[in-house]
C-alpha atoms as a PDB file:
ATOM      1  CA  UNK A   1     -15.635  11.642  -7.014  1.00  0.00           C
ATOM      2  CA  UNK A   2     -12.242  13.280  -6.671  1.00  0.00           C
ATOM      3  CA  UNK A   3      -9.244  11.038  -7.223  1.00  0.00           C
ATOM      4  CA  UNK A   4      -5.682  11.522  -6.172  1.00  0.00           C
ATOM      5  CA  UNK A   5      -2.890  10.266  -8.356  1.00  0.00           C
ATOM      6  CA  UNK A   6      -2.415   6.529  -8.285  1.00  0.00           C
ATOM      7  CA  UNK A   7       0.839   4.845  -7.348  1.00  0.00           C
ATOM      8  CA  UNK A   8       2.374   1.665  -8.722  1.00  0.00           C
ATOM      9  CA  UNK A   9       5.038  -0.088  -6.680  1.00  0.00           C
ATOM     10  CA  UNK A  10       7.096  -3.190  -7.418  1.00  0.00           C
ATOM     11  CA  UNK A  11       8.961  -4.993  -4.651  1.00  0.00           C
ATOM     12  CA  UNK A  12      11.665  -7.511  -5.519  1.00  0.00           C
ATOM     13  CA  UNK A  13      13.409 -10.018  -3.343  1.00  0.00           C
ATOM     14  CA  UNK A  14      17.109  -9.922  -4.291  1.00  0.00           C
ATOM     15  CA  UNK A  15      18.024 -12.958  -6.430  1.00  0.00           C
ATOM     16  CA  UNK A  16      20.576 -14.289  -3.933  1.00  0.00           C
ATOM     17  CA  UNK A  17      17.611 -15.209  -1.629  1.00  0.00           C
ATOM     18  CA  UNK A  18      18.984 -15.668   1.831  1.00  0.00           C
ATOM     19  CA  UNK A  19      22.470 -14.277   2.021  1.00  0.00           C
ATOM     20  CA  UNK A  20      23.758 -10.751   1.807  1.00  0.00           C
ATOM     21  CA  UNK A  21      26.216  -9.782  -0.845  1.00  0.00           C
ATOM     22  CA  UNK A  22      29.374  -8.273   0.618  1.00  0.00           C
ATOM     23  CA  UNK A  23      29.580  -4.565   0.083  1.00  0.00           C
ATOM     24  CA  UNK A  24      25.970  -4.354  -1.075  1.00  0.00           C
ATOM     25  CA  UNK A  25      23.885  -1.788   0.761  1.00  0.00           C
ATOM     26  CA  UNK A  26      20.401  -2.402  -0.582  1.00  0.00           C
ATOM     27  CA  UNK A  27      17.740   0.235  -0.170  1.00  0.00           C
ATOM     28  CA  UNK A  28      14.799   1.833  -1.839  1.00  0.00           C
ATOM     29  CA  UNK A  29      15.545   2.373  -5.502  1.00  0.00           C
ATOM     30  CA  UNK A  30      13.770   5.069  -7.439  1.00  0.00           C
ATOM     31  CA  UNK A  31      14.231   4.395 -11.143  1.00  0.00           C
ATOM     32  CA  UNK A  32      17.690   2.943 -10.774  1.00  0.00           C
ATOM     33  CA  UNK A  33      19.057   5.593  -8.420  1.00  0.00           C
ATOM     34  CA  UNK A  34      19.351   5.404  -4.669  1.00  0.00           C
ATOM     35  CA  UNK A  35      18.153   8.526  -2.915  1.00  0.00           C
ATOM     36  CA  UNK A  36      20.482  10.229  -0.455  1.00  0.00           C
ATOM     37  CA  UNK A  37      20.046   9.026   3.125  1.00  0.00           C
ATOM     38  CA  UNK A  38      21.919   9.964   6.309  1.00  0.00           C
ATOM     39  CA  UNK A  39      24.971   7.792   7.070  1.00  0.00           C
ATOM     40  CA  UNK A  40      23.200   6.096   9.981  1.00  0.00           C
ATOM     41  CA  UNK A  41      20.027   5.303   7.995  1.00  0.00           C
ATOM     42  CA  UNK A  42      18.639   1.785   8.237  1.00  0.00           C
ATOM     43  CA  UNK A  43      18.865   0.062   4.855  1.00  0.00           C
ATOM     44  CA  UNK A  44      16.112  -2.263   3.764  1.00  0.00           C
ATOM     45  CA  UNK A  45      16.819  -5.641   2.165  1.00  0.00           C
ATOM     46  CA  UNK A  46      14.204  -4.876  -0.466  1.00  0.00           C
ATOM     47  CA  UNK A  47      14.306  -2.894  -3.658  1.00  0.00           C
ATOM     48  CA  UNK A  48      11.163  -0.973  -4.520  1.00  0.00           C
ATOM     49  CA  UNK A  49      10.415   0.813  -7.751  1.00  0.00           C
ATOM     50  CA  UNK A  50       7.861   3.614  -7.578  1.00  0.00           C
ATOM     51  CA  UNK A  51       5.839   5.063 -10.421  1.00  0.00           C
ATOM     52  CA  UNK A  52       2.880   7.431 -10.594  1.00  0.00           C
ATOM     53  CA  UNK A  53       0.057   7.604 -13.067  1.00  0.00           C
ATOM     54  CA  UNK A  54       0.534   9.789 -16.111  1.00  0.00           C
ATOM     55  CA  UNK A  55      -0.828  13.291 -16.459  1.00  0.00           C
ATOM     56  CA  UNK A  56      -2.907  11.986 -19.348  1.00  0.00           C
ATOM     57  CA  UNK A  57      -5.711   9.867 -17.828  1.00  0.00           C
ATOM     58  CA  UNK A  58      -6.283   8.167 -21.196  1.00  0.00           C
ATOM     59  CA  UNK A  59      -3.010   6.221 -21.043  1.00  0.00           C
ATOM     60  CA  UNK A  60      -2.370   3.169 -18.882  1.00  0.00           C
ATOM     61  CA  UNK A  61       1.387   3.585 -18.546  1.00  0.00           C
ATOM     62  CA  UNK A  62       2.966   4.768 -15.327  1.00  0.00           C
ATOM     63  CA  UNK A  63       5.918   7.143 -15.310  1.00  0.00           C
ATOM     64  CA  UNK A  64       8.851   6.352 -13.022  1.00  0.00           C
ATOM     65  CA  UNK A  65       9.527   8.482  -9.975  1.00  0.00           C
ATOM     66  CA  UNK A  66      13.056   9.844 -10.085  1.00  0.00           C
ATOM     67  CA  UNK A  67      12.829  12.033  -6.986  1.00  0.00           C
ATOM     68  CA  UNK A  68      10.613  11.767  -3.931  1.00  0.00           C
ATOM     69  CA  UNK A  69       9.588  15.418  -4.370  1.00  0.00           C
ATOM     70  CA  UNK A  70       7.669  14.332  -7.498  1.00  0.00           C
ATOM     71  CA  UNK A  71       5.092  12.687  -5.224  1.00  0.00           C
ATOM     72  CA  UNK A  72       2.162  14.533  -3.700  1.00  0.00           C
ATOM     73  CA  UNK A  73       1.609  14.090   0.050  1.00  0.00           C
ATOM     74  CA  UNK A  74      -1.006  11.465  -0.843  1.00  0.00           C
ATOM     75  CA  UNK A  75       1.537   9.775  -3.104  1.00  0.00           C
ATOM     76  CA  UNK A  76       4.010   9.639  -0.216  1.00  0.00           C
ATOM     77  CA  UNK A  77       1.332   8.057   1.966  1.00  0.00           C
ATOM     78  CA  UNK A  78       0.612   5.448  -0.706  1.00  0.00           C
ATOM     79  CA  UNK A  79       4.352   4.826  -1.162  1.00  0.00           C
ATOM     80  CA  UNK A  80       4.700   4.123   2.563  1.00  0.00           C
ATOM     81  CA  UNK A  81       1.748   1.734   2.521  1.00  0.00           C
ATOM     82  CA  UNK A  82       3.009  -0.008  -0.604  1.00  0.00           C
ATOM     83  CA  UNK A  83       6.596  -0.397   0.606  1.00  0.00           C
ATOM     84  CA  UNK A  84       5.433  -1.682   3.994  1.00  0.00           C
ATOM     85  CA  UNK A  85       3.089  -4.202   2.354  1.00  0.00           C
ATOM     86  CA  UNK A  86       5.811  -5.468  -0.002  1.00  0.00           C
ATOM     87  CA  UNK A  87       8.284  -5.866   2.877  1.00  0.00           C
ATOM     88  CA  UNK A  88       5.760  -7.751   5.039  1.00  0.00           C
ATOM     89  CA  UNK A  89       4.914 -10.105   2.171  1.00  0.00           C
ATOM     90  CA  UNK A  90       8.532 -10.819   1.245  1.00  0.00           C
ATOM     91  CA  UNK A  91       9.563 -11.299   4.881  1.00  0.00           C
ATOM     92  CA  UNK A  92       6.730 -13.740   5.527  1.00  0.00           C
ATOM     93  CA  UNK A  93       7.418 -15.625   2.287  1.00  0.00           C
ATOM     94  CA  UNK A  94      11.125 -15.898   3.070  1.00  0.00           C
ATOM     95  CA  UNK A  95      10.504 -17.250   6.593  1.00  0.00           C
ATOM     96  CA  UNK A  96       7.985 -19.807   5.307  1.00  0.00           C
ATOM     97  CA  UNK A  97       9.994 -20.804   2.195  1.00  0.00           C
ATOM     98  CA  UNK A  98       7.200 -19.584  -0.079  1.00  0.00           C
ATOM     99  CA  UNK A  99       8.540 -18.966  -3.617  1.00  0.00           C
ATOM    100  CA  UNK A 100       7.390 -15.334  -3.894  1.00  0.00           C
ATOM    101  CA  UNK A 101       9.556 -13.590  -6.493  1.00  0.00           C
ATOM    102  CA  UNK A 102       7.873 -10.253  -6.920  1.00  0.00           C
ATOM    103  CA  UNK A 103       5.006  -8.154  -5.560  1.00  0.00           C
ATOM    104  CA  UNK A 104       3.231  -5.527  -7.624  1.00  0.00           C
ATOM    105  CA  UNK A 105       0.922  -3.083  -5.876  1.00  0.00           C
ATOM    106  CA  UNK A 106      -1.371  -0.566  -7.487  1.00  0.00           C
ATOM    107  CA  UNK A 107      -2.669   1.929  -4.952  1.00  0.00           C
ATOM    108  CA  UNK A 108      -5.152   4.720  -5.412  1.00  0.00           C
ATOM    109  CA  UNK A 109      -6.510   7.267  -2.939  1.00  0.00           C
ATOM    110  CA  UNK A 110     -10.074   8.532  -3.466  1.00  0.00           C
ATOM    111  CA  UNK A 111     -12.360  11.149  -1.933  1.00  0.00           C
ATOM    112  CA  UNK A 112     -15.891   9.883  -2.468  1.00  0.00           C
ATOM    113  CA  UNK A 113     -18.504  12.584  -1.961  1.00  0.00           C
ATOM    114  CA  UNK A 114     -22.068  11.708  -1.042  1.00  0.00           C
ATOM    115  CA  UNK A 115     -24.510  12.126  -3.937  1.00  0.00           C
ATOM    116  CA  UNK A 116     -26.518  14.746  -2.097  1.00  0.00           C
ATOM    117  CA  UNK A 117     -23.445  16.650  -0.981  1.00  0.00           C
ATOM    118  CA  UNK A 118     -22.139  18.373  -4.092  1.00  0.00           C
ATOM    119  CA  UNK A 119     -21.836  21.706  -2.264  1.00  0.00           C
ATOM    120  CA  UNK A 120     -20.971  20.525   1.241  1.00  0.00           C
ATOM    121  CA  UNK A 121     -18.481  22.642   3.102  1.00  0.00           C
ATOM    122  CA  UNK A 122     -17.770  20.226   5.933  1.00  0.00           C
ATOM    123  CA  UNK A 123     -14.766  17.973   5.392  1.00  0.00           C
ATOM    124  CA  UNK A 124     -16.584  15.081   7.114  1.00  0.00           C
ATOM    125  CA  UNK A 125     -19.132  14.945   4.283  1.00  0.00           C
ATOM    126  CA  UNK A 126     -17.034  12.642   2.121  1.00  0.00           C
ATOM    127  CA  UNK A 127     -15.551   9.211   2.539  1.00  0.00           C
ATOM    128  CA  UNK A 128     -11.859   8.618   1.967  1.00  0.00           C
ATOM    129  CA  UNK A 129     -10.606   5.275   0.729  1.00  0.00           C
ATOM    130  CA  UNK A 130      -7.498   3.598  -0.593  1.00  0.00           C
ATOM    131  CA  UNK A 131      -7.832   0.925  -3.256  1.00  0.00           C
ATOM    132  CA  UNK A 132      -4.985  -1.602  -3.077  1.00  0.00           C
ATOM    133  CA  UNK A 133      -4.523  -4.154  -5.858  1.00  0.00           C
ATOM    134  CA  UNK A 134      -1.939  -6.838  -5.062  1.00  0.00           C
ATOM    135  CA  UNK A 135      -0.238  -8.963  -7.725  1.00  0.00           C
ATOM    136  CA  UNK A 136       1.851 -11.864  -6.387  1.00  0.00           C
ATOM    137  CA  UNK A 137       4.396 -13.288  -8.820  1.00  0.00           C
ATOM    138  CA  UNK A 138       6.062 -16.639  -8.241  1.00  0.00           C
ATOM    139  CA  UNK A 139       5.349 -20.368  -8.367  1.00  0.00           C
ATOM    140  CA  UNK A 140       2.629 -20.130  -5.699  1.00  0.00           C
ATOM    141  CA  UNK A 141      -0.138 -22.546  -4.767  1.00  0.00           C
ATOM    142  CA  UNK A 142      -3.670 -21.168  -4.302  1.00  0.00           C
ATOM    143  CA  UNK A 143      -3.267 -21.685  -0.536  1.00  0.00           C
ATOM    144  CA  UNK A 144       0.004 -19.693  -0.492  1.00  0.00           C
ATOM    145  CA  UNK A 145      -1.616 -16.885  -2.496  1.00  0.00           C
ATOM    146  CA  UNK A 146      -4.545 -16.710  -0.067  1.00  0.00           C
ATOM    147  CA  UNK A 147      -2.236 -16.779   2.962  1.00  0.00           C
ATOM    148  CA  UNK A 148      -0.063 -13.983   1.526  1.00  0.00           C
ATOM    149  CA  UNK A 149      -3.177 -11.926   0.822  1.00  0.00           C
ATOM    150  CA  UNK A 150      -4.224 -12.278   4.476  1.00  0.00           C
ATOM    151  CA  UNK A 151      -0.691 -11.428   5.646  1.00  0.00           C
ATOM    152  CA  UNK A 152      -0.757  -8.224   3.565  1.00  0.00           C
ATOM    153  CA  UNK A 153      -3.307  -6.804   6.023  1.00  0.00           C
ATOM    154  CA  UNK A 154      -0.795  -7.088   8.875  1.00  0.00           C
ATOM    155  CA  UNK A 155       1.428  -4.304   7.579  1.00  0.00           C
ATOM    156  CA  UNK A 156       1.746  -1.705  10.405  1.00  0.00           C
ATOM    157  CA  UNK A 157       0.947   1.168   8.028  1.00  0.00           C
ATOM    158  CA  UNK A 158      -2.172  -0.666   6.802  1.00  0.00           C
ATOM    159  CA  UNK A 159      -3.316  -1.174  10.409  1.00  0.00           C
ATOM    160  CA  UNK A 160      -2.605   2.446  11.345  1.00  0.00           C
ATOM    161  CA  UNK A 161      -4.556   3.817   8.388  1.00  0.00           C
ATOM    162  CA  UNK A 162      -7.451   1.432   8.911  1.00  0.00           C
ATOM    163  CA  UNK A 163      -7.742   2.019  12.662  1.00  0.00           C
ATOM    164  CA  UNK A 164      -6.906   5.713  12.610  1.00  0.00           C
ATOM    165  CA  UNK A 165      -4.212   7.490  14.549  1.00  0.00           C
ATOM    166  CA  UNK A 166      -4.298  10.407  16.935  1.00  0.00           C
ATOM    167  CA  UNK A 167      -2.063  13.281  15.901  1.00  0.00           C
ATOM    168  CA  UNK A 168      -0.991  15.697  18.628  1.00  0.00           C
ATOM    169  CA  UNK A 169       0.238  18.990  17.213  1.00  0.00           C
ATOM    170  CA  UNK A 170       1.709  21.943  19.012  1.00  0.00           C
ATOM    171  CA  UNK A 171       3.319  25.174  17.977  1.00  0.00           C
ATOM    172  CA  UNK A 172       6.961  25.398  19.021  1.00  0.00           C
ATOM    173  CA  UNK A 173       8.122  28.750  20.357  1.00  0.00           C
ATOM    174  CA  UNK A 174      11.221  29.933  18.478  1.00  0.00           C
ATOM    175  CA  UNK A 175      12.096  32.824  20.812  1.00  0.00           C
END
Protein backbone atom coordinates (compact mmCIF):
# COMPACT_ATOMS: atom_id res chain seq x y z
CA UNK A 1 0.00 0.00 0.00
CA UNK A 2 1.34 3.41 -0.94
CA UNK A 3 0.01 6.33 1.06
CA UNK A 4 0.02 9.99 0.23
CA UNK A 5 0.41 12.54 2.96
CA UNK A 6 -2.65 13.02 5.10
CA UNK A 7 -4.37 16.35 5.59
CA UNK A 8 -6.09 17.74 8.67
CA UNK A 9 -8.53 20.60 8.25
CA UNK A 10 -10.52 22.57 10.81
CA UNK A 11 -13.47 24.71 9.76
CA UNK A 12 -14.86 27.31 12.14
CA UNK A 13 -18.06 29.27 11.97
CA UNK A 14 -17.21 32.85 13.00
CA UNK A 15 -18.41 33.54 16.57
CA UNK A 16 -20.78 36.34 15.52
CA UNK A 17 -23.03 33.63 13.93
CA UNK A 18 -25.31 35.36 11.50
CA UNK A 19 -24.07 38.84 10.84
CA UNK A 20 -20.99 40.10 9.09
CA UNK A 21 -18.53 42.27 10.89
CA UNK A 22 -17.94 45.56 9.10
CA UNK A 23 -14.60 45.71 7.41
CA UNK A 24 -13.98 42.00 7.93
CA UNK A 25 -13.06 40.12 4.78
CA UNK A 26 -13.00 36.51 5.93
CA UNK A 27 -11.24 33.91 3.85
CA UNK A 28 -9.15 30.81 4.03
CA UNK A 29 -6.57 31.17 6.76
CA UNK A 30 -3.36 29.20 6.63
CA UNK A 31 -1.76 29.28 10.07
CA UNK A 32 -2.95 32.76 10.90
CA UNK A 33 -2.05 34.36 7.57
CA UNK A 34 -4.34 35.04 4.66
CA UNK A 35 -2.87 34.03 1.33
CA UNK A 36 -2.75 36.60 -1.45
CA UNK A 37 -5.81 36.54 -3.71
CA UNK A 38 -6.76 38.73 -6.67
CA UNK A 39 -8.79 41.85 -5.78
CA UNK A 40 -11.95 40.39 -7.32
CA UNK A 41 -11.65 37.03 -5.52
CA UNK A 42 -14.74 35.67 -3.80
CA UNK A 43 -14.20 35.55 -0.04
CA UNK A 44 -15.64 32.70 1.95
CA UNK A 45 -17.43 33.23 5.26
CA UNK A 46 -15.46 30.36 6.74
CA UNK A 47 -12.00 30.13 8.19
CA UNK A 48 -10.13 26.91 7.52
CA UNK A 49 -6.86 25.83 9.05
CA UNK A 50 -4.82 23.31 7.08
CA UNK A 51 -2.13 21.01 8.38
CA UNK A 52 -0.27 18.04 6.91
CA UNK A 53 1.12 14.98 8.58
CA UNK A 54 4.67 15.14 9.83
CA UNK A 55 7.65 13.75 7.98
CA UNK A 56 8.12 11.38 10.90
CA UNK A 57 5.35 8.75 10.65
CA UNK A 58 5.86 7.83 14.32
CA UNK A 59 4.38 11.10 15.60
CA UNK A 60 0.68 11.96 15.65
CA UNK A 61 1.05 15.73 15.46
CA UNK A 62 0.27 17.64 12.30
CA UNK A 63 2.38 20.57 11.16
CA UNK A 64 0.59 23.73 10.01
CA UNK A 65 0.63 24.72 6.36
CA UNK A 66 2.02 28.22 5.96
CA UNK A 67 2.01 28.31 2.16
CA UNK A 68 -0.09 26.43 -0.35
CA UNK A 69 3.08 25.36 -2.19
CA UNK A 70 3.87 23.13 0.82
CA UNK A 71 1.07 20.80 -0.30
CA UNK A 72 1.53 18.04 -2.85
CA UNK A 73 -1.02 17.88 -5.69
CA UNK A 74 -2.81 15.19 -3.67
CA UNK A 75 -2.74 17.49 -0.64
CA UNK A 76 -4.36 20.24 -2.70
CA UNK A 77 -7.06 17.81 -3.79
CA UNK A 78 -7.70 16.81 -0.18
CA UNK A 79 -7.72 20.49 0.87
CA UNK A 80 -10.41 21.22 -1.72
CA UNK A 81 -12.52 18.28 -0.56
CA UNK A 82 -12.07 19.21 3.09
CA UNK A 83 -12.87 22.90 2.64
CA UNK A 84 -15.93 22.10 0.52
CA UNK A 85 -17.19 19.60 3.11
CA UNK A 86 -16.71 22.06 5.99
CA UNK A 87 -18.54 24.82 4.09
CA UNK A 88 -21.47 22.53 3.20
CA UNK A 89 -21.80 21.40 6.82
CA UNK A 90 -21.64 24.90 8.29
CA UNK A 91 -24.05 26.30 5.70
CA UNK A 92 -26.59 23.55 6.34
CA UNK A 93 -26.23 23.90 10.12
CA UNK A 94 -26.68 27.67 9.96
CA UNK A 95 -29.84 27.42 7.82
CA UNK A 96 -31.34 24.78 10.13
CA UNK A 97 -30.25 26.45 13.40
CA UNK A 98 -28.12 23.44 14.31
CA UNK A 99 -25.50 24.40 16.94
CA UNK A 100 -22.44 23.23 14.97
CA UNK A 101 -19.40 25.11 16.26
CA UNK A 102 -16.53 23.39 14.54
CA UNK A 103 -15.77 20.68 11.98
CA UNK A 104 -12.54 18.70 12.00
CA UNK A 105 -11.69 16.59 8.97
CA UNK A 106 -8.85 14.14 8.63
CA UNK A 107 -8.34 13.11 5.03
CA UNK A 108 -5.94 10.59 3.58
CA UNK A 109 -5.36 9.50 -0.01
CA UNK A 110 -4.24 5.90 -0.62
CA UNK A 111 -3.12 3.78 -3.57
CA UNK A 112 -4.06 0.22 -2.70
CA UNK A 113 -2.30 -2.33 -4.89
CA UNK A 114 -3.76 -5.78 -5.44
CA UNK A 115 -1.90 -8.51 -3.53
CA UNK A 116 -0.94 -10.31 -6.71
CA UNK A 117 0.16 -7.14 -8.45
CA UNK A 118 3.43 -6.17 -6.81
CA UNK A 119 5.12 -5.68 -10.19
CA UNK A 120 2.20 -4.45 -12.28
CA UNK A 121 3.01 -1.78 -14.80
CA UNK A 122 -0.54 -0.78 -15.65
CA UNK A 123 -1.89 2.15 -13.66
CA UNK A 124 -5.35 0.52 -13.54
CA UNK A 125 -3.99 -2.31 -11.38
CA UNK A 126 -4.51 -0.44 -8.12
CA UNK A 127 -7.46 1.08 -6.35
CA UNK A 128 -7.39 4.69 -5.23
CA UNK A 129 -9.34 5.81 -2.19
CA UNK A 130 -9.77 8.76 0.11
CA UNK A 131 -10.44 8.15 3.79
CA UNK A 132 -12.44 11.00 5.34
CA UNK A 133 -12.90 11.17 9.11
CA UNK A 134 -15.39 13.83 10.23
CA UNK A 135 -15.50 15.24 13.77
CA UNK A 136 -18.51 17.46 14.53
CA UNK A 137 -18.13 19.74 17.54
CA UNK A 138 -21.10 21.46 19.15
CA UNK A 139 -24.11 20.74 21.34
CA UNK A 140 -25.61 18.31 18.80
CA UNK A 141 -28.29 15.65 19.20
CA UNK A 142 -27.64 12.19 17.73
CA UNK A 143 -30.20 12.98 15.00
CA UNK A 144 -28.40 16.24 14.10
CA UNK A 145 -25.05 14.42 13.97
CA UNK A 146 -26.48 11.76 11.65
CA UNK A 147 -28.14 14.37 9.42
CA UNK A 148 -24.90 16.38 9.16
CA UNK A 149 -23.00 13.21 8.28
CA UNK A 150 -25.45 12.55 5.43
CA UNK A 151 -25.21 16.18 4.28
CA UNK A 152 -21.40 15.90 4.12
CA UNK A 153 -21.81 13.62 1.09
CA UNK A 154 -23.52 16.41 -0.85
CA UNK A 155 -20.37 18.49 -1.21
CA UNK A 156 -19.85 19.10 -4.98
CA UNK A 157 -16.19 18.06 -4.78
CA UNK A 158 -17.17 14.83 -2.99
CA UNK A 159 -19.72 14.06 -5.72
CA UNK A 160 -17.26 14.87 -8.51
CA UNK A 161 -14.56 12.62 -7.06
CA UNK A 162 -16.98 9.80 -6.36
CA UNK A 163 -18.67 9.90 -9.77
CA UNK A 164 -15.58 10.72 -11.79
CA UNK A 165 -15.07 13.60 -14.16
CA UNK A 166 -14.06 13.76 -17.79
CA UNK A 167 -10.99 15.88 -18.41
CA UNK A 168 -10.52 17.23 -21.93
CA UNK A 169 -6.94 18.30 -22.58
CA UNK A 170 -5.47 19.95 -25.62
CA UNK A 171 -2.14 21.44 -26.50
CA UNK A 172 -2.34 25.17 -27.17
CA UNK A 173 -0.30 26.47 -30.09
CA UNK A 174 1.93 29.36 -28.99
CA UNK A 175 3.01 30.47 -32.48
